[in-house]
Amino acid sequence: MYGDNLDKTSQKIIDVAMKLVRDNGYVSTTTKAIAKAAGMF
């Protein structure tokens, strides 16, 4: 029921987080920035 959407959402967040960390560095990447870039806000 929710499994596919949850997997897609989780993967999107992971992909966005990895890109932001790669581009901005670990210290400069916030959870808020990850959520915003993933379309959660």
PDB file of N, CA and C in Angstrom:
ATOM      1  N   MET A   1       0.831  -1.195   0.000  1.00  0.00           N
ATOM      2  CA  MET A   1       0.000   0.000   0.000  1.00  0.00           C
ATOM      3  C   MET A   1       0.874   1.257   0.000  1.00  0.00           C
ATOM      4  N   TYR A   2       1.644   1.461   1.048  1.00  0.00           N
ATOM      5  CA  TYR A   2       2.494   2.640   1.136  1.00  0.00           C
ATOM      6  C   TYR A   2       3.937   2.341   0.749  1.00  0.00           C
ATOM      7  N   GLY A   3       4.286   1.090   0.642  1.00  0.00           N
ATOM      8  CA  GLY A   3       5.661   0.675   0.436  1.00  0.00           C
ATOM      9  C   GLY A   3       6.350   1.309  -0.750  1.00  0.00           C
ATOM     10  N   ASP A   4       5.705   1.310  -1.914  1.00  0.00           N
ATOM     11  CA  ASP A   4       6.334   1.857  -3.117  1.00  0.00           C
ATOM     12  C   ASP A   4       6.572   3.350  -2.996  1.00  0.00           C
ATOM     13  N   ASN A   5       5.571   4.079  -2.508  1.00  0.00           N
ATOM     14  CA  ASN A   5       5.733   5.532  -2.346  1.00  0.00           C
ATOM     15  C   ASN A   5       6.797   5.852  -1.317  1.00  0.00           C
ATOM     16  N   LEU A   6       6.820   5.098  -0.230  1.00  0.00           N
ATOM     17  CA  LEU A   6       7.815   5.327   0.808  1.00  0.00           C
ATOM     18  C   LEU A   6       9.208   5.057   0.260  1.00  0.00           C
ATOM     19  N   ASP A   7       9.361   3.976  -0.493  1.00  0.00           N
ATOM     20  CA  ASP A   7      10.660   3.670  -1.091  1.00  0.00           C
ATOM     21  C   ASP A   7      11.105   4.764  -2.053  1.00  0.00           C
ATOM     22  N   LYS A   8      10.183   5.271  -2.869  1.00  0.00           N
ATOM     23  CA  LYS A   8      10.515   6.329  -3.827  1.00  0.00           C
ATOM     24  C   LYS A   8      10.879   7.612  -3.099  1.00  0.00           C
ATOM     25  N   THR A   9      10.117   7.944  -2.075  1.00  0.00           N
ATOM     26  CA  THR A   9      10.379   9.157  -1.305  1.00  0.00           C
ATOM     27  C   THR A   9      11.715   9.052  -0.579  1.00  0.00           C
ATOM     28  N   SER A  10      11.953   7.917   0.045  1.00  0.00           N
ATOM     29  CA  SER A  10      13.215   7.711   0.751  1.00  0.00           C
ATOM     30  C   SER A  10      14.396   7.814  -0.205  1.00  0.00           C
ATOM     31  N   GLN A  11      14.275   7.207  -1.362  1.00  0.00           N
ATOM     32  CA  GLN A  11      15.366   7.247  -2.334  1.00  0.00           C
ATOM     33  C   GLN A  11      15.595   8.658  -2.840  1.00  0.00           C
ATOM     34  N   LYS A  12      14.505   9.410  -3.037  1.00  0.00           N
ATOM     35  CA  LYS A  12      14.636  10.800  -3.496  1.00  0.00           C
ATOM     36  C   LYS A  12      15.387  11.626  -2.451  1.00  0.00           C
ATOM     37  N   ILE A  13      15.037  11.452  -1.192  1.00  0.00           N
ATOM     38  CA  ILE A  13      15.701  12.185  -0.112  1.00  0.00           C
ATOM     39  C   ILE A  13      17.186  11.828  -0.062  1.00  0.00           C
ATOM     40  N   ILE A  14      17.497  10.558  -0.177  1.00  0.00           N
ATOM     41  CA  ILE A  14      18.891  10.114  -0.152  1.00  0.00           C
ATOM     42  C   ILE A  14      19.659  10.705  -1.329  1.00  0.00           C
ATOM     43  N   ASP A  15      19.066  10.652  -2.522  1.00  0.00           N
ATOM     44  CA  ASP A  15      19.728  11.193  -3.713  1.00  0.00           C
ATOM     45  C   ASP A  15      19.990  12.684  -3.576  1.00  0.00           C
ATOM     46  N   VAL A  16      18.995  13.420  -3.093  1.00  0.00           N
ATOM     47  CA  VAL A  16      19.135  14.866  -2.907  1.00  0.00           C
ATOM     48  C   VAL A  16      20.192  15.159  -1.847  1.00  0.00           C
ATOM     49  N   ALA A  17      20.159  14.418  -0.755  1.00  0.00           N
ATOM     50  CA  ALA A  17      21.131  14.630   0.321  1.00  0.00           C
ATOM     51  C   ALA A  17      22.557  14.400  -0.179  1.00  0.00           C
ATOM     52  N   MET A  18      22.746  13.349  -0.941  1.00  0.00           N
ATOM     53  CA  MET A  18      24.084  13.062  -1.461  1.00  0.00           C
ATOM     54  C   MET A  18      24.571  14.166  -2.390  1.00  0.00           C
ATOM     55  N   LYS A  19      23.678  14.668  -3.234  1.00  0.00           N
ATOM     56  CA  LYS A  19      24.047  15.750  -4.152  1.00  0.00           C
ATOM     57  C   LYS A  19      24.410  17.013  -3.374  1.00  0.00           C
ATOM     58  N   LEU A  20      23.594  17.367  -2.385  1.00  0.00           N
ATOM     59  CA  LEU A  20      23.860  18.575  -1.608  1.00  0.00           C
ATOM     60  C   LEU A  20      25.164  18.454  -0.824  1.00  0.00           C
ATOM     61  N   VAL A  21      25.424  17.301  -0.241  1.00  0.00           N
ATOM     62  CA  VAL A  21      26.670  17.103   0.504  1.00  0.00           C
ATOM     63  C   VAL A  21      27.857  17.194  -0.448  1.00  0.00           C
ATOM     64  N   ARG A  22      27.712  16.597  -1.611  1.00  0.00           N
ATOM     65  CA  ARG A  22      28.797  16.640  -2.600  1.00  0.00           C
ATOM     66  C   ARG A  22      29.046  18.082  -3.060  1.00  0.00           C
ATOM     67  N   ASP A  23      27.974  18.841  -3.289  1.00  0.00           N
ATOM     68  CA  ASP A  23      28.105  20.209  -3.791  1.00  0.00           C
ATOM     69  C   ASP A  23      28.492  21.219  -2.713  1.00  0.00           C
ATOM     70  N   ASN A  24      27.937  21.057  -1.499  1.00  0.00           N
ATOM     71  CA  ASN A  24      28.093  22.073  -0.457  1.00  0.00           C
ATOM     72  C   ASN A  24      28.969  21.649   0.711  1.00  0.00           C
ATOM     73  N   GLY A  25      29.237  20.354   0.819  1.00  0.00           N
ATOM     74  CA  GLY A  25      29.981  19.847   1.965  1.00  0.00           C
ATOM     75  C   GLY A  25      29.040  19.400   3.071  1.00  0.00           C
ATOM     76  N   TYR A  26      29.531  18.500   3.890  1.00  0.00           N
ATOM     77  CA  TYR A  26      28.726  17.919   4.968  1.00  0.00           C
ATOM     78  C   TYR A  26      28.249  18.970   5.965  1.00  0.00           C
ATOM     79  N   VAL A  27      29.151  19.823   6.389  1.00  0.00           N
ATOM     80  CA  VAL A  27      28.835  20.805   7.429  1.00  0.00           C
ATOM     81  C   VAL A  27      27.792  21.812   6.946  1.00  0.00           C
ATOM     82  N   SER A  28      27.820  22.163   5.673  1.00  0.00           N
ATOM     83  CA  SER A  28      26.916  23.182   5.144  1.00  0.00           C
ATOM     84  C   SER A  28      25.557  22.634   4.716  1.00  0.00           C
ATOM     85  N   THR A  29      25.384  21.327   4.727  1.00  0.00           N
ATOM     86  CA  THR A  29      24.127  20.733   4.286  1.00  0.00           C
ATOM     87  C   THR A  29      23.224  20.499   5.491  1.00  0.00           C
ATOM     88  N   THR A  30      22.092  21.199   5.500  1.00  0.00           N
ATOM     89  CA  THR A  30      21.147  21.068   6.606  1.00  0.00           C
ATOM     90  C   THR A  30      19.990  20.149   6.212  1.00  0.00           C
ATOM     91  N   THR A  31      19.316  19.623   7.216  1.00  0.00           N
ATOM     92  CA  THR A  31      18.147  18.790   6.942  1.00  0.00           C
ATOM     93  C   THR A  31      17.047  19.618   6.278  1.00  0.00           C
ATOM     94  N   LYS A  32      16.969  20.881   6.628  1.00  0.00           N
ATOM     95  CA  LYS A  32      15.986  21.764   6.001  1.00  0.00           C
ATOM     96  C   LYS A  32      16.279  21.927   4.510  1.00  0.00           C
ATOM     97  N   ALA A  33      17.536  22.092   4.159  1.00  0.00           N
ATOM     98  CA  ALA A  33      17.924  22.214   2.750  1.00  0.00           C
ATOM     99  C   ALA A  33      17.615  20.931   1.986  1.00  0.00           C
ATOM    100  N   ILE A  34      17.850  19.795   2.627  1.00  0.00           N
ATOM    101  CA  ILE A  34      17.555  18.510   1.988  1.00  0.00           C
ATOM    102  C   ILE A  34      16.049  18.380   1.753  1.00  0.00           C
ATOM    103  N   ALA A  35      15.270  18.664   2.765  1.00  0.00           N
ATOM    104  CA  ALA A  35      13.815  18.560   2.626  1.00  0.00           C
ATOM    105  C   ALA A  35      13.285  19.505   1.557  1.00  0.00           C
ATOM    106  N   LYS A  36      13.785  20.725   1.530  1.00  0.00           N
ATOM    107  CA  LYS A  36      13.336  21.694   0.536  1.00  0.00           C
ATOM    108  C   LYS A  36      13.696  21.238  -0.875  1.00  0.00           C
ATOM    109  N   ALA A  37      14.929  20.774  -1.059  1.00  0.00           N
ATOM    110  CA  ALA A  37      15.379  20.320  -2.372  1.00  0.00           C
ATOM    111  C   ALA A  37      14.625  19.077  -2.834  1.00  0.00           C
ATOM    112  N   ALA A  38      14.162  18.269  -1.886  1.00  0.00           N
ATOM    113  CA  ALA A  38      13.410  17.057  -2.213  1.00  0.00           C
ATOM    114  C   ALA A  38      11.925  17.328  -2.422  1.00  0.00           C
ATOM    115  N   GLY A  39      11.532  18.599  -2.235  1.00  0.00           N
ATOM    116  CA  GLY A  39      10.136  18.959  -2.455  1.00  0.00           C
ATOM    117  C   GLY A  39       9.220  18.681  -1.290  1.00  0.00           C
ATOM    118  N   MET A  40       9.784  18.579  -0.096  1.00  0.00           N
ATOM    119  CA  MET A  40       8.980  18.300   1.084  1.00  0.00           C
ATOM    120  C   MET A  40       8.331  19.554   1.665  1.00  0.00           C
ATOM    121  N   PHE A  41       8.857  20.734   1.282  1.00  0.00           N
ATOM    122  CA  PHE A  41       8.291  22.005   1.752  1.00  0.00           C
ATOM    123  C   PHE A  41       7.571  22.666   0.614  1.00  0.00           C
TER     124      PHE A  41
END
